[in-house]
Amino acid sequence: MHVPVRDLHRAACDRSAALQRDRRDLRLRAIREPGRASPASVDPARRTAKKDWMKQRSQEPIHVGVLFSQTGVTSVIESSQRQATLLATEEINQAGGIGGRPIELIAYDPQSRPARYHALAEKLIVEDRVRIIVGCYMSSSRKAVIPVVERWTALLLYPTLYEGFEYSRNVFYTGAAPNQNSVQLADFMLRRFGSRVFMVGSDYIYPYESNRIMSDLILERGGEKVEEVYLPLDASAEDFVVIAKRIKDAQPSFIFSTVVGDSTALLHQAYAKVGLKPDKMPIASLTTSEAEVQQMGAHIAEGHITSAPYFQSLADAVNQRCVGNYKSRFGDEQVTNQCWEAAYFQLHMLADAMRRVDSDNVSDLLRVLPGSSYAAPQGTVRIDEHNHHTYLRPRIGRANAGGQFDILEQVERAVRPDPYLVSHSLQDWSARSRLTGRA
């Protein structure tokens, strides 16, 4: 039997309309008939519960772990890093936190012992459910924490200068790399004081590697390494007097110091005790900051040289405001320093990144932190997209009688971090950046 096409089409339309009516009737019965499950969107109780859960989550704090030592040989500098972290956290929370969620710090004292950094990093992640840690000063402590954050897919923000030659996807390095302090210091000291250098350092990885880099820079310029010695982190005052006498006998052009912690004051005090003069044979350092100067006394530190991206004496308005806020919060006797500044700006950079993704999820932060920038006290800084280190602004400072540093030289623009120091040459682009304000 032949059926016209238009009749087939009309029949198909009728069946479609009937199916639509059946589906509509089923939905209406599901809503109206008692005993039938209702969609969550029309269930007032479930809708209210969901809103309450979302509101509760929006008010939950974001936990950040803090590992800065309050006791032990590096407690002076790490205490300043801890206070910088506290100040930045208070500022972030006063500004509304992260979408209304405050940052809450969970802090422990690793006591300047690498093994405790490792154990406490595990505790923060496993027991406290933290996924972001800020902290560490010595390279040995950083290296103790890195395997932990890598294993648990967490993050470490490390606000300390270091020896370079490292990369971890789970670490952001906000302190200076070797091409942002060692290159500039070598260039300055060779120009100003001569090419014979006596190297003294603490007995751990950072001094070994920093002295290796400085040795290359000195030797390629035709200089001479007079001697290279290391002392334990708990060396005594008398141990440093013995070294100071050896320095006096050797008569180098300058001393390159990579001693850290309490040893910094002991070295400078021994130097003064044997009658050495900084205008003729200064101590040059990457680590002697305002904190160590305050510890040893300005009269002991005066005249010695430090290379760093930040000094408290910077006249920049952002820096002066931050220093004022810090002193108002923690006391007029407090001083800032390069590690303080890195600890301060890195937390603000972290907060800005969390606001951008409305999350503290590590995967999201790994996506947005690289390439981010911040108007820091030293000037605008930026995290490199490829190596997780930070564009910084190298400077040379000389300690003065007031416990601060007179800035002798500084670059005009931030220097890209090169943690692997592909070239040790003093003629590379970072060393050739135009310097201003020479004394």
Protein backbone atom coordinates (compact mmCIF):
# COMPACT_ATOMS: atom_id res chain seq x y z
CA MET A 1 0.00 0.00 0.00
CA HIS A 2 1.33 3.45 -0.93
CA VAL A 3 1.41 6.11 1.78
CA PRO A 4 2.06 9.74 0.75
CA VAL A 5 5.31 11.26 2.07
CA ARG A 6 3.45 14.15 3.67
CA ASP A 7 1.38 11.67 5.70
CA LEU A 8 4.55 9.91 6.93
CA HIS A 9 5.99 13.28 7.96
CA ARG A 10 2.78 14.24 9.79
CA ALA A 11 2.77 10.91 11.65
CA ALA A 12 6.40 11.36 12.73
CA CYS A 13 5.63 14.87 14.04
CA ASP A 14 2.63 13.52 15.98
CA ARG A 15 4.78 10.83 17.63
CA SER A 16 7.43 13.40 18.56
CA ALA A 17 4.82 15.69 20.12
CA ALA A 18 3.39 12.77 22.09
CA LEU A 19 6.82 11.83 23.44
CA GLN A 20 7.45 15.42 24.55
CA ARG A 21 4.06 15.49 26.36
CA ASP A 22 4.92 12.20 28.11
CA ARG A 23 8.28 13.51 29.30
CA ARG A 24 6.64 16.73 30.57
CA ASP A 25 4.02 14.74 32.46
CA LEU A 26 6.71 12.55 34.07
CA ARG A 27 8.62 15.64 35.25
CA LEU A 28 5.47 17.16 36.69
CA ARG A 29 4.61 13.95 38.55
CA ALA A 30 8.15 13.73 39.95
CA ILE A 31 7.68 17.20 41.41
CA ARG A 32 4.07 16.98 42.55
CA GLU A 33 3.49 13.41 43.69
CA PRO A 34 4.45 12.60 47.28
CA GLY A 35 7.13 9.98 47.86
CA ARG A 36 8.94 10.72 44.60
CA ALA A 37 12.54 12.09 44.59
CA SER A 38 12.76 15.74 43.59
CA PRO A 39 15.66 17.36 41.74
CA ALA A 40 18.10 19.17 44.08
CA SER A 41 17.39 22.41 42.30
CA VAL A 42 13.80 22.41 43.55
CA ASP A 43 14.44 20.90 47.01
CA PRO A 44 14.62 23.85 49.43
CA ALA A 45 16.40 21.84 52.14
CA ARG A 46 19.13 20.58 49.82
CA ARG A 47 19.50 23.99 48.22
CA THR A 48 19.93 25.61 51.64
CA ALA A 49 22.47 22.96 52.71
CA LYS A 50 24.51 23.57 49.57
CA LYS A 51 24.50 27.32 50.17
CA ASP A 52 25.58 26.81 53.77
CA TRP A 53 28.43 24.54 52.66
CA MET A 54 29.62 27.04 50.07
CA LYS A 55 29.43 29.89 52.60
CA GLN A 56 31.36 27.86 55.17
CA ARG A 57 34.08 27.01 52.62
CA SER A 58 34.34 30.65 51.53
CA GLN A 59 35.16 31.57 55.14
CA GLU A 60 37.64 28.74 55.81
CA PRO A 61 41.23 29.94 56.19
CA ILE A 62 43.91 29.02 53.69
CA HIS A 63 46.72 27.33 55.59
CA VAL A 64 50.35 28.09 54.78
CA GLY A 65 53.22 26.32 56.52
CA VAL A 66 56.17 28.33 57.87
CA LEU A 67 59.64 26.88 58.54
CA PHE A 68 61.96 29.58 59.85
CA SER A 69 64.24 28.87 62.81
CA GLN A 70 63.72 30.80 66.02
CA THR A 71 66.63 29.07 67.73
CA GLY A 72 70.04 27.84 66.58
CA VAL A 73 72.90 29.35 64.61
CA THR A 74 70.79 31.00 61.89
CA SER A 75 67.95 32.22 64.11
CA VAL A 76 68.84 35.92 63.78
CA ILE A 77 68.27 36.10 60.03
CA GLU A 78 65.45 33.53 59.99
CA SER A 79 63.57 35.41 62.71
CA SER A 80 63.50 38.41 60.40
CA GLN A 81 62.15 36.23 57.58
CA ARG A 82 59.44 34.93 59.89
CA GLN A 83 58.43 38.46 60.90
CA ALA A 84 58.32 39.54 57.26
CA THR A 85 55.98 36.64 56.57
CA LEU A 86 53.76 37.65 59.48
CA LEU A 87 53.64 41.27 58.30
CA ALA A 88 52.72 40.31 54.74
CA THR A 89 50.04 37.91 56.00
CA GLU A 90 48.46 40.61 58.15
CA GLU A 91 48.43 43.03 55.20
CA ILE A 92 46.84 40.42 52.92
CA ASN A 93 44.13 39.56 55.45
CA GLN A 94 43.39 43.23 56.17
CA ALA A 95 42.83 43.67 52.42
CA GLY A 96 40.18 40.92 52.39
CA GLY A 97 42.35 37.82 52.14
CA ILE A 98 41.76 35.51 49.19
CA GLY A 99 38.17 36.09 48.10
CA GLY A 100 37.23 36.64 51.74
CA ARG A 101 39.25 33.68 53.02
CA PRO A 102 42.06 34.65 55.43
CA ILE A 103 45.56 33.19 55.26
CA GLU A 104 46.41 31.31 58.44
CA LEU A 105 50.04 30.43 59.16
CA ILE A 106 51.08 27.15 60.77
CA ALA A 107 54.64 27.72 61.98
CA TYR A 108 57.27 25.47 63.54
CA ASP A 109 60.83 26.06 64.75
CA PRO A 110 63.31 23.79 62.93
CA GLN A 111 66.11 24.95 65.29
CA SER A 112 68.57 25.51 62.39
CA ARG A 113 68.85 21.72 61.91
CA PRO A 114 68.28 20.27 58.39
CA ALA A 115 66.83 17.01 59.73
CA ARG A 116 64.11 18.94 61.57
CA TYR A 117 63.22 20.88 58.42
CA HIS A 118 62.61 17.56 56.68
CA ALA A 119 60.55 16.13 59.54
CA LEU A 120 58.50 19.31 60.03
CA ALA A 121 57.80 19.62 56.31
CA GLU A 122 56.36 16.09 56.44
CA LYS A 123 54.30 17.05 59.50
CA LEU A 124 52.91 20.16 57.83
CA ILE A 125 51.83 18.23 54.75
CA VAL A 126 50.66 14.94 56.27
CA GLU A 127 49.19 16.03 59.60
CA ASP A 128 48.32 19.70 59.07
CA ARG A 129 47.14 19.19 55.47
CA VAL A 130 49.25 22.08 54.21
CA ARG A 131 50.22 22.22 50.56
CA ILE A 132 52.24 25.47 50.53
CA ILE A 133 55.35 26.00 52.68
CA VAL A 134 57.45 29.16 52.99
CA GLY A 135 60.82 28.91 54.63
CA CYS A 136 64.43 27.69 54.84
CA TYR A 137 67.63 29.70 54.95
CA MET A 138 70.64 27.40 54.60
CA SER A 139 70.90 25.36 51.42
CA SER A 140 71.15 22.20 53.51
CA SER A 141 67.69 22.91 54.94
CA ARG A 142 66.23 23.64 51.51
CA LYS A 143 67.66 20.40 50.14
CA ALA A 144 66.11 18.55 53.09
CA VAL A 145 62.64 19.92 52.27
CA ILE A 146 62.63 19.60 48.47
CA PRO A 147 62.16 15.78 48.38
CA VAL A 148 59.18 16.18 50.70
CA VAL A 149 57.34 18.79 48.61
CA GLU A 150 58.12 16.86 45.43
CA ARG A 151 56.79 13.60 46.88
CA TRP A 152 53.51 15.17 48.04
CA THR A 153 53.08 17.61 45.12
CA ALA A 154 53.34 20.60 47.44
CA LEU A 155 55.10 23.96 47.00
CA LEU A 156 58.11 25.56 48.72
CA LEU A 157 58.71 29.31 48.45
CA TYR A 158 62.39 29.89 49.30
CA PRO A 159 63.33 33.51 50.14
CA THR A 160 67.12 33.25 50.43
CA LEU A 161 70.10 33.83 48.16
CA TYR A 162 71.79 30.57 47.28
CA GLU A 163 74.50 28.93 45.17
CA GLY A 164 72.35 28.18 42.12
CA PHE A 165 72.65 25.08 39.93
CA GLU A 166 69.23 23.79 40.94
CA TYR A 167 65.68 23.60 39.65
CA SER A 168 62.58 21.97 41.07
CA ARG A 169 59.08 22.30 39.65
CA ASN A 170 57.83 22.46 43.24
CA VAL A 171 60.05 25.34 44.37
CA PHE A 172 59.98 29.08 43.70
CA TYR A 173 63.29 30.82 44.43
CA THR A 174 62.89 34.49 45.41
CA GLY A 175 66.44 35.14 46.68
CA ALA A 176 69.41 36.01 44.48
CA ALA A 177 71.03 33.54 42.09
CA PRO A 178 74.82 33.78 41.49
CA ASN A 179 74.50 36.04 38.44
CA GLN A 180 72.56 38.52 40.62
CA ASN A 181 75.18 38.96 43.36
CA SER A 182 78.44 37.01 42.87
CA VAL A 183 79.20 38.44 39.42
CA GLN A 184 78.63 42.00 40.58
CA LEU A 185 80.66 41.55 43.77
CA ALA A 186 83.62 40.02 41.95
CA ASP A 187 83.62 42.83 39.41
CA PHE A 188 83.46 45.52 42.11
CA MET A 189 86.14 44.04 44.39
CA LEU A 190 88.61 43.39 41.56
CA ARG A 191 88.22 46.96 40.29
CA ARG A 192 88.48 48.60 43.69
CA PHE A 193 90.82 46.51 45.83
CA GLY A 194 92.89 44.10 43.73
CA SER A 195 92.96 40.48 42.64
CA ARG A 196 94.34 38.50 45.61
CA VAL A 197 91.49 36.96 47.59
CA PHE A 198 91.36 34.98 50.84
CA MET A 199 88.21 32.83 51.07
CA VAL A 200 86.64 31.79 54.38
CA GLY A 201 83.31 30.01 54.75
CA SER A 202 81.07 27.87 56.91
CA ASP A 203 81.38 24.15 56.40
CA TYR A 204 78.36 23.25 54.22
CA ILE A 205 77.21 23.27 50.61
CA TYR A 206 76.45 26.97 50.01
CA PRO A 207 79.98 28.22 50.87
CA TYR A 208 81.60 25.43 48.84
CA GLU A 209 79.64 26.28 45.71
CA SER A 210 79.82 30.06 46.16
CA ASN A 211 83.58 29.89 46.58
CA ARG A 212 83.85 27.72 43.47
CA ILE A 213 81.98 30.37 41.47
CA MET A 214 84.03 33.22 42.95
CA SER A 215 87.25 31.31 42.26
CA ASP A 216 86.31 31.00 38.58
CA LEU A 217 85.47 34.70 38.37
CA ILE A 218 88.76 35.71 40.04
CA LEU A 219 91.01 33.33 38.11
CA GLU A 220 89.62 34.20 34.68
CA ARG A 221 90.51 37.84 35.41
CA GLY A 222 94.09 36.83 36.19
CA GLY A 223 93.59 36.97 39.95
CA GLU A 224 94.90 34.69 42.70
CA LYS A 225 93.19 32.68 45.41
CA VAL A 226 95.51 33.06 48.39
CA GLU A 227 93.77 30.51 50.61
CA GLU A 228 90.39 28.82 51.10
CA VAL A 229 89.32 27.67 54.57
CA TYR A 230 86.10 26.40 56.19
CA LEU A 231 84.96 26.37 59.78
CA PRO A 232 82.10 24.49 61.49
CA LEU A 233 78.81 26.33 61.96
CA ASP A 234 79.43 26.22 65.71
CA ALA A 235 83.06 27.43 65.52
CA SER A 236 84.27 29.43 68.52
CA ALA A 237 85.49 33.03 68.71
CA GLU A 238 89.03 31.76 69.16
CA ASP A 239 88.74 29.68 65.97
CA PHE A 240 88.06 32.88 64.07
CA VAL A 241 90.93 34.74 65.71
CA VAL A 242 93.25 32.03 64.39
CA ILE A 243 91.86 32.56 60.88
CA ALA A 244 92.11 36.35 61.20
CA LYS A 245 95.80 36.04 62.05
CA ARG A 246 96.35 33.89 58.96
CA ILE A 247 94.60 36.54 56.87
CA LYS A 248 96.83 39.24 58.35
CA ASP A 249 99.93 37.24 57.52
CA ALA A 250 98.77 36.50 53.96
CA GLN A 251 97.90 40.17 53.18
CA PRO A 252 95.27 39.52 50.45
CA SER A 253 93.56 42.33 48.55
CA PHE A 254 90.26 41.41 50.21
CA ILE A 255 88.48 38.59 52.07
CA PHE A 256 85.51 36.82 50.51
CA SER A 257 83.31 35.56 53.36
CA THR A 258 80.66 32.89 53.02
CA VAL A 259 80.30 32.31 56.76
CA VAL A 260 76.68 32.46 57.93
CA GLY A 261 74.66 32.76 61.11
CA ASP A 262 76.40 33.61 64.39
CA SER A 263 79.77 33.00 62.71
CA THR A 264 79.40 36.24 60.72
CA ALA A 265 79.73 38.36 63.86
CA LEU A 266 82.61 36.21 65.15
CA LEU A 267 84.59 36.65 61.92
CA HIS A 268 84.18 40.44 61.90
CA GLN A 269 85.02 40.71 65.59
CA ALA A 270 88.18 38.62 65.11
CA TYR A 271 89.12 40.76 62.09
CA ALA A 272 88.93 43.92 64.22
CA LYS A 273 90.73 42.27 67.12
CA VAL A 274 93.89 41.56 65.10
CA GLY A 275 93.97 45.12 63.78
CA LEU A 276 92.85 44.72 60.15
CA LYS A 277 91.33 47.77 58.40
CA PRO A 278 88.37 47.64 55.98
CA ASP A 279 89.53 50.64 53.93
CA LYS A 280 92.62 48.63 52.92
CA MET A 281 91.47 44.98 53.06
CA PRO A 282 87.67 44.70 53.50
CA ILE A 283 85.52 41.65 54.00
CA ALA A 284 83.26 41.16 50.97
CA SER A 285 80.13 39.08 51.43
CA LEU A 286 76.84 37.99 49.89
CA THR A 287 75.24 37.19 53.25
CA THR A 288 76.24 39.94 55.70
CA SER A 289 73.05 41.98 56.00
CA GLU A 290 71.56 44.58 58.33
CA ALA A 291 70.54 41.77 60.71
CA GLU A 292 74.12 40.54 61.14
CA VAL A 293 75.39 44.13 61.38
CA GLN A 294 72.99 44.77 64.24
CA GLN A 295 74.12 41.55 65.92
CA MET A 296 77.84 42.39 65.77
CA GLY A 297 77.60 46.17 66.22
CA ALA A 298 77.81 48.88 63.54
CA HIS A 299 81.33 49.91 64.63
CA ILE A 300 82.58 46.39 63.83
CA ALA A 301 80.81 46.16 60.46
CA GLU A 302 81.58 49.67 59.19
CA GLY A 303 83.48 49.74 55.90
CA HIS A 304 82.82 46.16 54.82
CA ILE A 305 81.09 45.32 51.52
CA THR A 306 77.93 43.33 50.69
CA SER A 307 76.32 42.49 47.35
CA ALA A 308 72.52 42.15 47.57
CA PRO A 309 69.37 43.12 45.65
CA TYR A 310 67.95 45.00 48.64
CA PHE A 311 69.12 47.24 51.48
CA GLN A 312 66.92 48.96 54.06
CA SER A 313 68.45 52.33 53.14
CA LEU A 314 66.77 52.40 49.70
CA ALA A 315 64.95 55.70 49.31
CA ASP A 316 62.12 54.21 47.20
CA ALA A 317 58.67 55.16 48.53
CA VAL A 318 57.44 51.55 48.52
CA ASN A 319 60.43 50.52 50.62
CA GLN A 320 60.06 53.38 53.08
CA ARG A 321 56.38 52.55 53.59
CA CYS A 322 57.15 48.87 54.18
CA VAL A 323 59.96 49.66 56.61
CA GLY A 324 57.64 52.04 58.49
CA ASN A 325 54.90 49.42 58.72
CA TYR A 326 57.40 46.84 59.93
CA LYS A 327 58.76 49.05 62.67
CA SER A 328 55.25 50.05 63.75
CA ARG A 329 54.29 46.40 64.05
CA PHE A 330 57.46 44.91 65.58
CA GLY A 331 59.34 47.84 67.14
CA ASP A 332 61.62 50.70 66.11
CA GLU A 333 64.74 48.64 66.83
CA GLN A 334 63.94 46.18 64.02
CA VAL A 335 65.94 46.23 60.78
CA THR A 336 65.07 44.80 57.39
CA ASN A 337 67.42 42.94 55.05
CA GLN A 338 67.52 41.12 51.71
CA CYS A 339 66.10 37.87 53.11
CA TRP A 340 63.40 39.78 54.99
CA GLU A 341 62.39 41.50 51.77
CA ALA A 342 62.22 38.26 49.77
CA ALA A 343 60.09 36.62 52.48
CA TYR A 344 57.80 39.67 52.44
CA PHE A 345 57.24 40.04 48.70
CA GLN A 346 56.96 36.30 47.98
CA LEU A 347 53.89 35.98 50.21
CA HIS A 348 52.25 38.91 48.45
CA MET A 349 53.03 37.27 45.10
CA LEU A 350 51.51 34.04 46.36
CA ALA A 351 48.37 35.85 47.50
CA ASP A 352 48.02 37.63 44.16
CA ALA A 353 48.32 34.29 42.37
CA MET A 354 45.69 32.68 44.60
CA ARG A 355 43.31 35.56 43.93
CA ARG A 356 43.74 35.11 40.18
CA VAL A 357 42.67 31.47 40.32
CA ASP A 358 40.43 31.80 43.42
CA SER A 359 42.21 28.75 44.80
CA ASP A 360 45.20 27.48 46.77
CA ASN A 361 45.38 24.41 44.53
CA VAL A 362 49.00 23.61 43.70
CA SER A 363 48.30 22.77 40.04
CA ASP A 364 46.57 26.12 39.56
CA LEU A 365 49.38 28.01 41.28
CA LEU A 366 52.03 26.29 39.18
CA ARG A 367 50.19 27.66 36.18
CA VAL A 368 49.94 31.31 37.28
CA LEU A 369 52.96 31.99 39.53
CA PRO A 370 55.52 31.79 36.69
CA GLY A 371 55.57 35.17 34.97
CA SER A 372 53.85 36.98 37.85
CA SER A 373 55.29 40.29 39.08
CA TYR A 374 55.07 42.47 42.17
CA ALA A 375 56.09 46.01 43.17
CA ALA A 376 58.54 44.97 45.91
CA PRO A 377 60.56 47.26 48.20
CA GLN A 378 63.63 46.79 45.94
CA GLY A 379 61.61 47.62 42.80
CA THR A 380 59.41 45.49 40.56
CA VAL A 381 60.35 41.81 40.63
CA ARG A 382 59.11 38.97 38.42
CA ILE A 383 59.23 35.18 38.53
CA ASP A 384 60.86 33.70 35.45
CA GLU A 385 58.50 31.52 33.43
CA HIS A 386 61.09 28.83 32.77
CA ASN A 387 63.29 28.37 35.86
CA HIS A 388 61.08 29.53 38.79
CA HIS A 389 63.77 32.01 39.92
CA THR A 390 63.17 35.75 40.25
CA TYR A 391 64.25 38.83 38.31
CA LEU A 392 66.06 40.98 40.93
CA ARG A 393 68.06 44.23 41.10
CA PRO A 394 71.72 43.72 42.13
CA ARG A 395 73.37 46.37 44.30
CA ILE A 396 76.69 46.89 46.09
CA GLY A 397 76.52 48.35 49.60
CA ARG A 398 79.11 49.42 52.18
CA ALA A 399 78.22 49.21 55.87
CA ASN A 400 78.21 52.57 57.64
CA ALA A 401 78.44 53.78 61.23
CA GLY A 402 74.65 53.90 61.53
CA GLY A 403 74.20 50.16 61.01
CA GLN A 404 72.89 50.60 57.47
CA PHE A 405 74.49 50.38 54.02
CA ASP A 406 75.55 53.16 51.68
CA ILE A 407 74.66 51.99 48.17
CA LEU A 408 77.70 52.37 45.95
CA GLU A 409 76.46 50.79 42.73
CA GLN A 410 73.20 49.44 41.37
CA VAL A 411 71.77 48.27 38.06
CA GLU A 412 69.08 50.28 36.33
CA ARG A 413 66.83 47.32 35.54
CA ALA A 414 66.13 43.91 36.98
CA VAL A 415 68.54 41.12 36.02
CA ARG A 416 67.14 37.87 34.65
CA PRO A 417 68.01 34.94 36.94
CA ASP A 418 70.53 32.47 35.51
CA PRO A 419 70.83 29.83 38.25
CA TYR A 420 73.16 27.68 36.16
CA LEU A 421 75.46 30.63 35.43
CA VAL A 422 75.97 29.49 31.87
CA SER A 423 78.94 31.87 31.58
CA HIS A 424 81.17 32.88 34.50
CA SER A 425 82.56 35.76 32.47
CA LEU A 426 82.63 39.19 34.03
CA GLN A 427 81.77 40.51 30.56
CA ASP A 428 78.36 38.86 30.36
CA TRP A 429 75.27 41.03 29.91
CA SER A 430 74.33 41.02 33.61
CA ALA A 431 77.75 42.39 34.62
CA ARG A 432 77.62 45.02 31.88
CA SER A 433 74.30 46.52 33.04
CA ARG A 434 75.01 50.21 33.61
CA LEU A 435 75.79 51.01 37.24
CA THR A 436 74.79 54.27 38.88
CA GLY A 437 75.66 56.19 42.02
CA ARG A 438 79.32 55.20 42.22
CA ALA A 439 81.18 56.44 45.27
